Amino acid sequence: MEQLDQLTSNVTTLIARYEQLKAENAMLREANQSQRAEILRSHADLEELEKQYSRLRLASAVTGTPDEREAAKRRLTQLIAQIDHVLEILKQ
């Protein structure tokens, strides 16, 4: 009889611990999802800031000193030449 009482007590303790861990797991899953959503938002913000920075650099190159404008013009000419080269390769 004592063994049965001890077994019942152990099962009750085990069930209570299971329920506690189940609730904790649900809470951690929710926190995990929240953190994942925050990371995705941060990545989107970072991409937008990088685009804005790139546009700002281009704008400052265009409105900068004559030397900076000339350097930007050379870079654009090089990029256009590379694109033309790739298009020629693709035509073959």
PDB file of N, CA and C in Angstrom:
ATOM      1  N   MET A   1       0.824  -1.193   0.000  1.00  0.00           N
ATOM      2  CA  MET A   1       0.000   0.000   0.000  1.00  0.00           C
ATOM      3  C   MET A   1       0.871   1.261   0.000  1.00  0.00           C
ATOM      4  N   GLU A   2       1.949   1.234   0.733  1.00  0.00           N
ATOM      5  CA  GLU A   2       2.857   2.364   0.804  1.00  0.00           C
ATOM      6  C   GLU A   2       3.493   2.627  -0.563  1.00  0.00           C
ATOM      7  N   GLN A   3       3.827   1.555  -1.284  1.00  0.00           N
ATOM      8  CA  GLN A   3       4.415   1.705  -2.614  1.00  0.00           C
ATOM      9  C   GLN A   3       3.419   2.343  -3.574  1.00  0.00           C
ATOM     10  N   LEU A   4       2.149   1.965  -3.433  1.00  0.00           N
ATOM     11  CA  LEU A   4       1.101   2.542  -4.286  1.00  0.00           C
ATOM     12  C   LEU A   4       0.939   4.026  -3.989  1.00  0.00           C
ATOM     13  N   ASP A   5       0.975   4.404  -2.739  1.00  0.00           N
ATOM     14  CA  ASP A   5       0.884   5.814  -2.370  1.00  0.00           C
ATOM     15  C   ASP A   5       2.088   6.596  -2.906  1.00  0.00           C
ATOM     16  N   GLN A   6       3.256   5.978  -2.778  1.00  0.00           N
ATOM     17  CA  GLN A   6       4.470   6.625  -3.288  1.00  0.00           C
ATOM     18  C   GLN A   6       4.392   6.778  -4.810  1.00  0.00           C
ATOM     19  N   LEU A   7       3.912   5.769  -5.510  1.00  0.00           N
ATOM     20  CA  LEU A   7       3.763   5.821  -6.964  1.00  0.00           C
ATOM     21  C   LEU A   7       2.759   6.893  -7.359  1.00  0.00           C
ATOM     22  N   THR A   8       1.658   6.962  -6.643  1.00  0.00           N
ATOM     23  CA  THR A   8       0.645   7.971  -6.920  1.00  0.00           C
ATOM     24  C   THR A   8       1.224   9.368  -6.709  1.00  0.00           C
ATOM     25  N   SER A   9       1.983   9.531  -5.647  1.00  0.00           N
ATOM     26  CA  SER A   9       2.611  10.813  -5.362  1.00  0.00           C
ATOM     27  C   SER A   9       3.610  11.182  -6.470  1.00  0.00           C
ATOM     28  N   ASN A  10       4.385  10.224  -6.902  1.00  0.00           N
ATOM     29  CA  ASN A  10       5.365  10.471  -7.963  1.00  0.00           C
ATOM     30  C   ASN A  10       4.670  10.832  -9.280  1.00  0.00           C
ATOM     31  N   VAL A  11       3.590  10.137  -9.605  1.00  0.00           N
ATOM     32  CA  VAL A  11       2.859  10.431 -10.841  1.00  0.00           C
ATOM     33  C   VAL A  11       2.248  11.825 -10.766  1.00  0.00           C
ATOM     34  N   THR A  12       1.684  12.172  -9.619  1.00  0.00           N
ATOM     35  CA  THR A  12       1.101  13.496  -9.441  1.00  0.00           C
ATOM     36  C   THR A  12       2.173  14.575  -9.595  1.00  0.00           C
ATOM     37  N   THR A  13       3.322  14.358  -8.998  1.00  0.00           N
ATOM     38  CA  THR A  13       4.433  15.305  -9.114  1.00  0.00           C
ATOM     39  C   THR A  13       4.897  15.411 -10.566  1.00  0.00           C
ATOM     40  N   LEU A  14       4.979  14.272 -11.217  1.00  0.00           N
ATOM     41  CA  LEU A  14       5.407  14.244 -12.610  1.00  0.00           C
ATOM     42  C   LEU A  14       4.422  14.980 -13.517  1.00  0.00           C
ATOM     43  N   ILE A  15       3.136  14.794 -13.301  1.00  0.00           N
ATOM     44  CA  ILE A  15       2.114  15.478 -14.102  1.00  0.00           C
ATOM     45  C   ILE A  15       2.173  16.985 -13.863  1.00  0.00           C
ATOM     46  N   ALA A  16       2.342  17.383 -12.617  1.00  0.00           N
ATOM     47  CA  ALA A  16       2.432  18.807 -12.304  1.00  0.00           C
ATOM     48  C   ALA A  16       3.660  19.421 -12.982  1.00  0.00           C
ATOM     49  N   ARG A  17       4.784  18.720 -12.925  1.00  0.00           N
ATOM     50  CA  ARG A  17       6.010  19.223 -13.564  1.00  0.00           C
ATOM     51  C   ARG A  17       5.830  19.283 -15.075  1.00  0.00           C
ATOM     52  N   TYR A  18       5.155  18.281 -15.657  1.00  0.00           N
ATOM     53  CA  TYR A  18       4.887  18.262 -17.099  1.00  0.00           C
ATOM     54  C   TYR A  18       4.057  19.485 -17.500  1.00  0.00           C
ATOM     55  N   GLU A  19       3.011  19.779 -16.737  1.00  0.00           N
ATOM     56  CA  GLU A  19       2.155  20.927 -17.046  1.00  0.00           C
ATOM     57  C   GLU A  19       2.941  22.241 -16.933  1.00  0.00           C
ATOM     58  N   GLN A  20       3.801  22.316 -15.932  1.00  0.00           N
ATOM     59  CA  GLN A  20       4.622  23.501 -15.751  1.00  0.00           C
ATOM     60  C   GLN A  20       5.568  23.678 -16.942  1.00  0.00           C
ATOM     61  N   LEU A  21       6.215  22.614 -17.349  1.00  0.00           N
ATOM     62  CA  LEU A  21       7.140  22.678 -18.486  1.00  0.00           C
ATOM     63  C   LEU A  21       6.400  22.952 -19.797  1.00  0.00           C
ATOM     64  N   LYS A  22       5.212  22.430 -19.908  1.00  0.00           N
ATOM     65  CA  LYS A  22       4.404  22.674 -21.100  1.00  0.00           C
ATOM     66  C   LYS A  22       4.058  24.160 -21.213  1.00  0.00           C
ATOM     67  N   ALA A  23       3.688  24.775 -20.099  1.00  0.00           N
ATOM     68  CA  ALA A  23       3.371  26.208 -20.100  1.00  0.00           C
ATOM     69  C   ALA A  23       4.625  27.030 -20.390  1.00  0.00           C
ATOM     70  N   GLU A  24       5.744  26.636 -19.798  1.00  0.00           N
ATOM     71  CA  GLU A  24       6.998  27.337 -20.039  1.00  0.00           C
ATOM     72  C   GLU A  24       7.414  27.217 -21.507  1.00  0.00           C
ATOM     73  N   ASN A  25       7.232  26.055 -22.080  1.00  0.00           N
ATOM     74  CA  ASN A  25       7.558  25.831 -23.489  1.00  0.00           C
ATOM     75  C   ASN A  25       6.710  26.731 -24.387  1.00  0.00           C
ATOM     76  N   ALA A  26       5.421  26.833 -24.086  1.00  0.00           N
ATOM     77  CA  ALA A  26       4.534  27.691 -24.879  1.00  0.00           C
ATOM     78  C   ALA A  26       4.986  29.150 -24.792  1.00  0.00           C
ATOM     79  N   MET A  27       5.372  29.568 -23.593  1.00  0.00           N
ATOM     80  CA  MET A  27       5.829  30.936 -23.404  1.00  0.00           C
ATOM     81  C   MET A  27       7.130  31.179 -24.182  1.00  0.00           C
ATOM     82  N   LEU A  28       8.039  30.221 -24.145  1.00  0.00           N
ATOM     83  CA  LEU A  28       9.307  30.363 -24.861  1.00  0.00           C
ATOM     84  C   LEU A  28       9.093  30.357 -26.375  1.00  0.00           C
ATOM     85  N   ARG A  29       8.159  29.547 -26.843  1.00  0.00           N
ATOM     86  CA  ARG A  29       7.858  29.537 -28.279  1.00  0.00           C
ATOM     87  C   ARG A  29       7.318  30.901 -28.724  1.00  0.00           C
ATOM     88  N   GLU A  30       6.458  31.473 -27.912  1.00  0.00           N
ATOM     89  CA  GLU A  30       5.904  32.789 -28.233  1.00  0.00           C
ATOM     90  C   GLU A  30       7.011  33.852 -28.239  1.00  0.00           C
ATOM     91  N   ALA A  31       7.894  33.800 -27.259  1.00  0.00           N
ATOM     92  CA  ALA A  31       9.012  34.736 -27.205  1.00  0.00           C
ATOM     93  C   ALA A  31       9.930  34.548 -28.416  1.00  0.00           C
ATOM     94  N   ASN A  32      10.133  33.301 -28.803  1.00  0.00           N
ATOM     95  CA  ASN A  32      10.962  32.987 -29.970  1.00  0.00           C
ATOM     96  C   ASN A  32      10.351  33.592 -31.231  1.00  0.00           C
ATOM     97  N   GLN A  33       9.064  33.422 -31.413  1.00  0.00           N
ATOM     98  CA  GLN A  33       8.386  33.984 -32.577  1.00  0.00           C
ATOM     99  C   GLN A  33       8.491  35.507 -32.584  1.00  0.00           C
ATOM    100  N   SER A  34       8.336  36.099 -31.424  1.00  0.00           N
ATOM    101  CA  SER A  34       8.441  37.549 -31.306  1.00  0.00           C
ATOM    102  C   SER A  34       9.845  38.016 -31.691  1.00  0.00           C
ATOM    103  N   GLN A  35      10.862  37.305 -31.231  1.00  0.00           N
ATOM    104  CA  GLN A  35      12.239  37.660 -31.559  1.00  0.00           C
ATOM    105  C   GLN A  35      12.514  37.479 -33.048  1.00  0.00           C
ATOM    106  N   ARG A  36      11.975  36.422 -33.641  1.00  0.00           N
ATOM    107  CA  ARG A  36      12.151  36.203 -35.076  1.00  0.00           C
ATOM    108  C   ARG A  36      11.517  37.346 -35.875  1.00  0.00           C
ATOM    109  N   ALA A  37      10.328  37.763 -35.461  1.00  0.00           N
ATOM    110  CA  ALA A  37       9.656  38.870 -36.145  1.00  0.00           C
ATOM    111  C   ALA A  37      10.480  40.149 -36.006  1.00  0.00           C
ATOM    112  N   GLU A  38      11.044  40.380 -34.844  1.00  0.00           N
ATOM    113  CA  GLU A  38      11.878  41.564 -34.616  1.00  0.00           C
ATOM    114  C   GLU A  38      13.130  41.508 -35.493  1.00  0.00           C
ATOM    115  N   ILE A  39      13.730  40.347 -35.628  1.00  0.00           N
ATOM    116  CA  ILE A  39      14.912  40.190 -36.483  1.00  0.00           C
ATOM    117  C   ILE A  39      14.552  40.488 -37.929  1.00  0.00           C
ATOM    118  N   LEU A  40      13.405  39.977 -38.396  1.00  0.00           N
ATOM    119  CA  LEU A  40      12.974  40.243 -39.770  1.00  0.00           C
ATOM    120  C   LEU A  40      12.749  41.738 -39.993  1.00  0.00           C
ATOM    121  N   ARG A  41      12.125  42.401 -39.020  1.00  0.00           N
ATOM    122  CA  ARG A  41      11.924  43.844 -39.138  1.00  0.00           C
ATOM    123  C   ARG A  41      13.268  44.572 -39.167  1.00  0.00           C
ATOM    124  N   SER A  42      14.197  44.136 -38.352  1.00  0.00           N
ATOM    125  CA  SER A  42      15.517  44.765 -38.314  1.00  0.00           C
ATOM    126  C   SER A  42      16.245  44.590 -39.642  1.00  0.00           C
ATOM    127  N   HIS A  43      16.133  43.397 -40.226  1.00  0.00           N
ATOM    128  CA  HIS A  43      16.761  43.163 -41.527  1.00  0.00           C
ATOM    129  C   HIS A  43      16.140  44.056 -42.598  1.00  0.00           C
ATOM    130  N   ALA A  44      14.829  44.185 -42.570  1.00  0.00           N
ATOM    131  CA  ALA A  44      14.152  45.046 -43.544  1.00  0.00           C
ATOM    132  C   ALA A  44      14.589  46.500 -43.353  1.00  0.00           C
ATOM    133  N   ASP A  45      14.677  46.935 -42.107  1.00  0.00           N
ATOM    134  CA  ASP A  45      15.143  48.305 -41.828  1.00  0.00           C
ATOM    135  C   ASP A  45      16.575  48.501 -42.322  1.00  0.00           C
ATOM    136  N   LEU A  46      17.423  47.508 -42.087  1.00  0.00           N
ATOM    137  CA  LEU A  46      18.809  47.598 -42.518  1.00  0.00           C
ATOM    138  C   LEU A  46      18.909  47.695 -44.041  1.00  0.00           C
ATOM    139  N   GLU A  47      18.140  46.873 -44.741  1.00  0.00           N
ATOM    140  CA  GLU A  47      18.151  46.935 -46.199  1.00  0.00           C
ATOM    141  C   GLU A  47      17.701  48.304 -46.698  1.00  0.00           C
ATOM    142  N   GLU A  48      16.667  48.846 -46.080  1.00  0.00           N
ATOM    143  CA  GLU A  48      16.179  50.162 -46.482  1.00  0.00           C
ATOM    144  C   GLU A  48      17.240  51.232 -46.216  1.00  0.00           C
ATOM    145  N   LEU A  49      17.903  51.153 -45.075  1.00  0.00           N
ATOM    146  CA  LEU A  49      18.955  52.125 -44.768  1.00  0.00           C
ATOM    147  C   LEU A  49      20.130  51.997 -45.738  1.00  0.00           C
ATOM    148  N   GLU A  50      20.454  50.770 -46.120  1.00  0.00           N
ATOM    149  CA  GLU A  50      21.534  50.583 -47.086  1.00  0.00           C
ATOM    150  C   GLU A  50      21.167  51.186 -48.441  1.00  0.00           C
ATOM    151  N   LYS A  51      19.914  51.030 -48.847  1.00  0.00           N
ATOM    152  CA  LYS A  51      19.460  51.631 -50.105  1.00  0.00           C
ATOM    153  C   LYS A  51      19.531  53.152 -50.020  1.00  0.00           C
ATOM    154  N   GLN A  52      19.071  53.697 -48.902  1.00  0.00           N
ATOM    155  CA  GLN A  52      19.114  55.147 -48.731  1.00  0.00           C
ATOM    156  C   GLN A  52      20.552  55.654 -48.741  1.00  0.00           C
ATOM    157  N   TYR A  53      21.447  54.930 -48.101  1.00  0.00           N
ATOM    158  CA  TYR A  53      22.855  55.312 -48.073  1.00  0.00           C
ATOM    159  C   TYR A  53      23.444  55.289 -49.485  1.00  0.00           C
ATOM    160  N   SER A  54      23.107  54.254 -50.237  1.00  0.00           N
ATOM    161  CA  SER A  54      23.604  54.154 -51.610  1.00  0.00           C
ATOM    162  C   SER A  54      23.103  55.325 -52.452  1.00  0.00           C
ATOM    163  N   ARG A  55      21.816  55.648 -52.303  1.00  0.00           N
ATOM    164  CA  ARG A  55      21.259  56.789 -53.037  1.00  0.00           C
ATOM    165  C   ARG A  55      21.924  58.096 -52.611  1.00  0.00           C
ATOM    166  N   LEU A  56      22.171  58.238 -51.340  1.00  0.00           N
ATOM    167  CA  LEU A  56      22.823  59.441 -50.835  1.00  0.00           C
ATOM    168  C   LEU A  56      24.244  59.566 -51.378  1.00  0.00           C
ATOM    169  N   ARG A  57      24.968  58.451 -51.435  1.00  0.00           N
ATOM    170  CA  ARG A  57      26.327  58.490 -51.994  1.00  0.00           C
ATOM    171  C   ARG A  57      26.293  58.893 -53.459  1.00  0.00           C
ATOM    172  N   LEU A  58      25.317  58.336 -54.202  1.00  0.00           N
ATOM    173  CA  LEU A  58      25.198  58.680 -55.613  1.00  0.00           C
ATOM    174  C   LEU A  58      24.852  60.158 -55.763  1.00  0.00           C
ATOM    175  N   ALA A  59      23.921  60.632 -54.950  1.00  0.00           N
ATOM    176  CA  ALA A  59      23.523  62.036 -55.031  1.00  0.00           C
ATOM    177  C   ALA A  59      24.690  62.950 -54.677  1.00  0.00           C
ATOM    178  N   SER A  60      25.451  62.586 -53.667  1.00  0.00           N
ATOM    179  CA  SER A  60      26.581  63.432 -53.291  1.00  0.00           C
ATOM    180  C   SER A  60      27.665  63.372 -54.360  1.00  0.00           C
ATOM    181  N   ALA A  61      27.797  62.243 -55.052  1.00  0.00           N
ATOM    182  CA  ALA A  61      28.779  62.153 -56.132  1.00  0.00           C
ATOM    183  C   ALA A  61      28.377  63.059 -57.284  1.00  0.00           C
ATOM    184  N   VAL A  62      27.086  63.118 -57.560  1.00  0.00           N
ATOM    185  CA  VAL A  62      26.595  63.946 -58.662  1.00  0.00           C
ATOM    186  C   VAL A  62      26.684  65.425 -58.308  1.00  0.00           C
ATOM    187  N   THR A  63      26.423  65.755 -57.064  1.00  0.00           N
ATOM    188  CA  THR A  63      26.425  67.169 -56.659  1.00  0.00           C
ATOM    189  C   THR A  63      27.737  67.585 -56.010  1.00  0.00           C
ATOM    190  N   GLY A  64      28.705  66.671 -55.987  1.00  0.00           N
ATOM    191  CA  GLY A  64      29.974  66.971 -55.327  1.00  0.00           C
ATOM    192  C   GLY A  64      30.864  67.866 -56.176  1.00  0.00           C
ATOM    193  N   THR A  65      32.127  67.809 -55.875  1.00  0.00           N
ATOM    194  CA  THR A  65      33.111  68.617 -56.590  1.00  0.00           C
ATOM    195  C   THR A  65      33.238  68.112 -58.021  1.00  0.00           C
ATOM    196  N   PRO A  66      33.816  68.921 -58.898  1.00  0.00           N
ATOM    197  CA  PRO A  66      34.003  68.468 -60.284  1.00  0.00           C
ATOM    198  C   PRO A  66      34.800  67.161 -60.377  1.00  0.00           C
ATOM    199  N   ASP A  67      35.792  66.995 -59.536  1.00  0.00           N
ATOM    200  CA  ASP A  67      36.565  65.748 -59.549  1.00  0.00           C
ATOM    201  C   ASP A  67      35.694  64.549 -59.165  1.00  0.00           C
ATOM    202  N   GLU A  68      34.854  64.740 -58.146  1.00  0.00           N
ATOM    203  CA  GLU A  68      33.955  63.667 -57.717  1.00  0.00           C
ATOM    204  C   GLU A  68      32.951  63.333 -58.813  1.00  0.00           C
ATOM    205  N   ARG A  69      32.439  64.359 -59.488  1.00  0.00           N
ATOM    206  CA  ARG A  69      31.492  64.118 -60.584  1.00  0.00           C
ATOM    207  C   ARG A  69      32.167  63.352 -61.716  1.00  0.00           C
ATOM    208  N   GLU A  70      33.394  63.719 -62.002  1.00  0.00           N
ATOM    209  CA  GLU A  70      34.135  63.033 -63.071  1.00  0.00           C
ATOM    210  C   GLU A  70      34.397  61.568 -62.695  1.00  0.00           C
ATOM    211  N   ALA A  71      34.732  61.327 -61.435  1.00  0.00           N
ATOM    212  CA  ALA A  71      34.952  59.950 -60.969  1.00  0.00           C
ATOM    213  C   ALA A  71      33.659  59.153 -61.056  1.00  0.00           C
ATOM    214  N   ALA A  72      32.551  59.749 -60.683  1.00  0.00           N
ATOM    215  CA  ALA A  72      31.260  59.063 -60.766  1.00  0.00           C
ATOM    216  C   ALA A  72      30.918  58.765 -62.219  1.00  0.00           C
ATOM    217  N   LYS A  73      31.209  59.707 -63.096  1.00  0.00           N
ATOM    218  CA  LYS A  73      30.938  59.507 -64.528  1.00  0.00           C
ATOM    219  C   LYS A  73      31.773  58.351 -65.069  1.00  0.00           C
ATOM    220  N   ARG A  74      33.047  58.272 -64.663  1.00  0.00           N
ATOM    221  CA  ARG A  74      33.906  57.162 -65.098  1.00  0.00           C
ATOM    222  C   ARG A  74      33.386  55.825 -64.583  1.00  0.00           C
ATOM    223  N   ARG A  75      32.940  55.815 -63.323  1.00  0.00           N
ATOM    224  CA  ARG A  75      32.400  54.569 -62.758  1.00  0.00           C
ATOM    225  C   ARG A  75      31.160  54.121 -63.512  1.00  0.00           C
ATOM    226  N   LEU A  76      30.281  55.066 -63.818  1.00  0.00           N
ATOM    227  CA  LEU A  76      29.075  54.724 -64.569  1.00  0.00           C
ATOM    228  C   LEU A  76      29.422  54.234 -65.971  1.00  0.00           C
ATOM    229  N   THR A  77      30.396  54.862 -66.606  1.00  0.00           N
ATOM    230  CA  THR A  77      30.824  54.428 -67.932  1.00  0.00           C
ATOM    231  C   THR A  77      31.384  53.013 -67.873  1.00  0.00           C
ATOM    232  N   GLN A  78      32.157  52.718 -66.842  1.00  0.00           N
ATOM    233  CA  GLN A  78      32.700  51.368 -66.677  1.00  0.00           C
ATOM    234  C   GLN A  78      31.583  50.343 -66.460  1.00  0.00           C
ATOM    235  N   LEU A  79      30.616  50.708 -65.639  1.00  0.00           N
ATOM    236  CA  LEU A  79      29.492  49.792 -65.386  1.00  0.00           C
ATOM    237  C   LEU A  79      28.707  49.529 -66.660  1.00  0.00           C
ATOM    238  N   ILE A  80      28.469  50.555 -67.436  1.00  0.00           N
ATOM    239  CA  ILE A  80      27.733  50.398 -68.691  1.00  0.00           C
ATOM    240  C   ILE A  80      28.531  49.511 -69.642  1.00  0.00           C
ATOM    241  N   ALA A  81      29.840  49.694 -69.704  1.00  0.00           N
ATOM    242  CA  ALA A  81      30.682  48.860 -70.562  1.00  0.00           C
ATOM    243  C   ALA A  81      30.637  47.405 -70.119  1.00  0.00           C
ATOM    244  N   GLN A  82      30.650  47.171 -68.821  1.00  0.00           N
ATOM    245  CA  GLN A  82      30.568  45.796 -68.312  1.00  0.00           C
ATOM    246  C   GLN A  82      29.226  45.174 -68.660  1.00  0.00           C
ATOM    247  N   ILE A  83      28.162  45.931 -68.546  1.00  0.00           N
ATOM    248  CA  ILE A  83      26.829  45.425 -68.889  1.00  0.00           C
ATOM    249  C   ILE A  83      26.766  45.107 -70.372  1.00  0.00           C
ATOM    250  N   ASP A  84      27.311  45.991 -71.212  1.00  0.00           N
ATOM    251  CA  ASP A  84      27.333  45.734 -72.655  1.00  0.00           C
ATOM    252  C   ASP A  84      28.114  44.466 -72.961  1.00  0.00           C
ATOM    253  N   HIS A  85      29.232  44.281 -72.265  1.00  0.00           N
ATOM    254  CA  HIS A  85      30.046  43.085 -72.479  1.00  0.00           C
ATOM    255  C   HIS A  85      29.263  41.818 -72.115  1.00  0.00           C
ATOM    256  N   VAL A  86      28.588  41.851 -70.996  1.00  0.00           N
ATOM    257  CA  VAL A  86      27.793  40.688 -70.557  1.00  0.00           C
ATOM    258  C   VAL A  86      26.668  40.414 -71.561  1.00  0.00           C
ATOM    259  N   LEU A  87      26.037  41.458 -72.063  1.00  0.00           N
ATOM    260  CA  LEU A  87      24.973  41.277 -73.053  1.00  0.00           C
ATOM    261  C   LEU A  87      25.513  40.641 -74.322  1.00  0.00           C
ATOM    262  N   GLU A  88      26.711  41.037 -74.734  1.00  0.00           N
ATOM    263  CA  GLU A  88      27.325  40.432 -75.910  1.00  0.00           C
ATOM    264  C   GLU A  88      27.609  38.951 -75.672  1.00  0.00           C
ATOM    265  N   ILE A  89      28.085  38.629 -74.513  1.00  0.00           N
ATOM    266  CA  ILE A  89      28.360  37.217 -74.185  1.00  0.00           C
ATOM    267  C   ILE A  89      27.063  36.418 -74.200  1.00  0.00           C
ATOM    268  N   LEU A  90      25.992  36.981 -73.678  1.00  0.00           N
ATOM    269  CA  LEU A  90      24.720  36.282 -73.627  1.00  0.00           C
ATOM    270  C   LEU A  90      24.127  36.079 -75.012  1.00  0.00           C
ATOM    271  N   LYS A  91      24.422  36.956 -75.930  1.00  0.00           N
ATOM    272  CA  LYS A  91      23.902  36.836 -77.303  1.00  0.00           C
ATOM    273  C   LYS A  91      24.533  35.658 -78.023  1.00  0.00           C
ATOM    274  N   GLN A  92      25.733  35.268 -77.646  1.00  0.00           N
ATOM    275  CA  GLN A  92      26.446  34.197 -78.341  1.00  0.00           C
ATOM    276  C   GLN A  92      25.875  32.874 -78.058  1.00  0.00           C
TER     277      GLN A  92
END
